Protein backbone atom coordinates (compact mmCIF):
# COMPACT_ATOMS: atom_id res chain seq x y z
CA MET A 1 -0.38 -0.03 -0.16
CA THR A 2 1.34 3.74 -1.02
CA LYS A 3 0.11 6.80 1.13
CA VAL A 4 0.07 9.78 -0.83
CA VAL A 5 0.19 12.86 1.18
CA PHE A 6 -1.43 16.34 -0.08
CA PRO A 7 -1.68 19.52 2.25
CA THR A 8 -5.24 20.79 1.95
CA GLN A 9 -7.18 23.78 3.86
CA GLU A 10 -10.44 21.96 3.78
CA LYS A 11 -11.48 18.46 4.87
CA LEU A 12 -13.26 17.38 1.31
CA SER A 13 -11.43 14.60 0.89
CA TYR A 14 -10.10 13.94 -2.32
CA ILE A 15 -12.30 17.05 -3.93
CA SER A 16 -10.12 19.37 -2.07
CA LYS A 17 -7.47 21.53 -3.78
CA VAL A 18 -4.21 21.57 -3.10
CA GLU A 19 -2.53 23.82 -0.57
CA ASN A 20 0.59 26.22 -1.65
CA SER A 21 2.42 24.13 0.70
CA PHE A 22 2.67 22.24 3.71
CA TYR A 23 3.69 25.12 5.50
CA HIS A 24 0.49 26.41 5.60
CA ALA A 25 -1.91 23.70 5.32
CA ASN A 26 -4.25 23.09 7.69
CA TYR A 27 -4.69 19.52 7.01
CA LEU A 28 -2.97 16.67 5.40
CA THR A 29 -4.95 14.76 2.93
CA VAL A 30 -3.80 11.16 2.56
CA LEU A 31 -4.78 8.55 -0.15
CA HIS A 32 -4.11 4.96 0.84
CA CYS A 33 -3.44 3.43 -2.73
CA LYS A 34 -3.11 -0.02 -3.37
CA GLY A 35 -2.06 -0.44 -7.57
CA GLN A 36 -3.92 2.29 -9.03
CA ASN A 37 -7.23 2.44 -6.77
CA ILE A 38 -7.45 4.60 -3.78
CA ASP A 39 -8.06 2.34 -0.96
CA GLY A 40 -8.83 4.69 1.96
CA ILE A 41 -8.42 8.42 2.99
CA ASP A 42 -7.49 10.46 6.56
CA ILE A 43 -7.81 13.67 7.17
CA ILE A 44 -5.11 14.97 9.44
CA LYS A 45 -4.99 18.11 11.43
CA ASN A 46 -1.40 19.34 10.15
CA PRO A 47 0.71 19.43 13.37
CA PHE A 48 3.49 21.17 11.59
CA TYR A 49 1.46 24.43 10.70
CA ASP A 50 4.15 27.07 11.06
CA ASN A 51 6.94 24.96 11.97
CA LEU A 52 8.40 22.03 9.87
CA GLU A 53 10.72 20.78 12.72
CA GLY A 54 10.62 16.55 12.87
CA PHE A 55 8.38 16.68 9.29
CA CYS A 56 10.64 14.16 8.01
CA LYS A 57 10.21 12.18 11.69
CA TYR A 58 6.67 11.90 11.62
CA CYS A 59 6.47 11.14 7.56
CA LYS A 60 9.10 8.15 8.47
CA THR A 61 6.50 7.04 11.36
CA LYS A 62 3.36 7.27 9.69
CA HIS A 63 4.82 5.58 6.51
CA PHE A 64 4.16 8.07 4.14
CA ASP A 65 5.62 7.36 0.51
CA VAL A 66 4.86 10.39 -1.30
CA LEU A 67 4.04 13.79 -0.17
CA VAL A 68 2.67 16.47 -3.57
CA SER A 69 2.69 20.06 -3.09
CA HIS A 70 3.41 22.58 -5.25
CA ASP A 71 5.78 24.95 -2.99
CA GLU A 72 8.04 21.83 -1.99
CA LYS A 73 10.78 25.17 -0.88
CA ARG A 74 10.36 24.77 3.04
CA LEU A 75 10.23 21.04 2.95
CA PRO A 76 13.61 19.30 4.13
CA LEU A 77 14.24 17.42 0.60
CA GLU A 78 17.68 15.71 1.23
CA GLU A 79 16.35 14.17 4.46
CA LEU A 80 12.67 13.45 3.18
CA SER A 81 14.97 10.98 0.50
CA LYS A 82 16.92 9.64 3.04
CA CYS A 83 13.76 8.50 4.36
CA GLY A 84 12.27 7.32 1.48
CA VAL A 85 9.66 9.41 0.84
CA SER A 86 9.13 10.92 -2.55
CA VAL A 87 8.18 14.43 -3.54
CA TYR A 88 6.29 15.72 -6.31
CA ASN A 89 5.69 19.18 -7.70
CA VAL A 90 2.26 20.38 -8.86
CA LYS A 91 0.45 23.46 -10.07
CA LYS A 92 -1.35 25.62 -8.08
CA ASP A 93 -5.24 25.45 -7.53
CA GLU A 94 -5.68 21.85 -8.71
CA ILE A 95 -8.16 19.01 -6.73
CA ILE A 96 -6.68 16.13 -5.54
CA LEU A 97 -8.67 13.42 -7.55
CA SER A 98 -7.10 15.25 -10.51
CA VAL A 99 -3.61 15.13 -9.03
CA PHE A 100 -4.06 11.87 -8.19
CA SER A 101 -5.05 10.71 -12.15
CA ASP A 102 -1.35 12.67 -13.10
CA PHE A 103 0.59 10.99 -10.46
CA ILE A 104 -0.29 7.08 -11.42
CA GLN A 105 -0.03 8.21 -15.06
CA ASP A 106 3.57 9.31 -14.26
CA LYS A 107 2.82 12.89 -15.07
CA LEU A 108 4.03 14.66 -12.17
CA VAL A 109 7.67 16.02 -11.80
CA LYS A 110 9.69 14.41 -8.89
CA VAL A 111 11.82 16.70 -6.99
CA ALA A 112 12.74 14.23 -4.30
């Protein structure tokens, strides 16, 4: 199972828009994927709002595999890569379901 994580402002499941960054997101929307299908969804209150200290350790503890954002500049990319977490870049104002489709079709740009 793969866990794909998106920063969001709303609790609208996979129809939420992807927030600019994990730094200012209210929630982390986590898609649990088996193959190309969404098997489950978790929406977690973002414990790292305005402070990403410990973010990599949290990702590893929660077994996150992929992070998707359109502002990866504040993320500890090298540390995440060492933890086995991939980071992909996406355009602004896209809905999670659309981005997930692009991820499955290998259309996203991998930054770490």
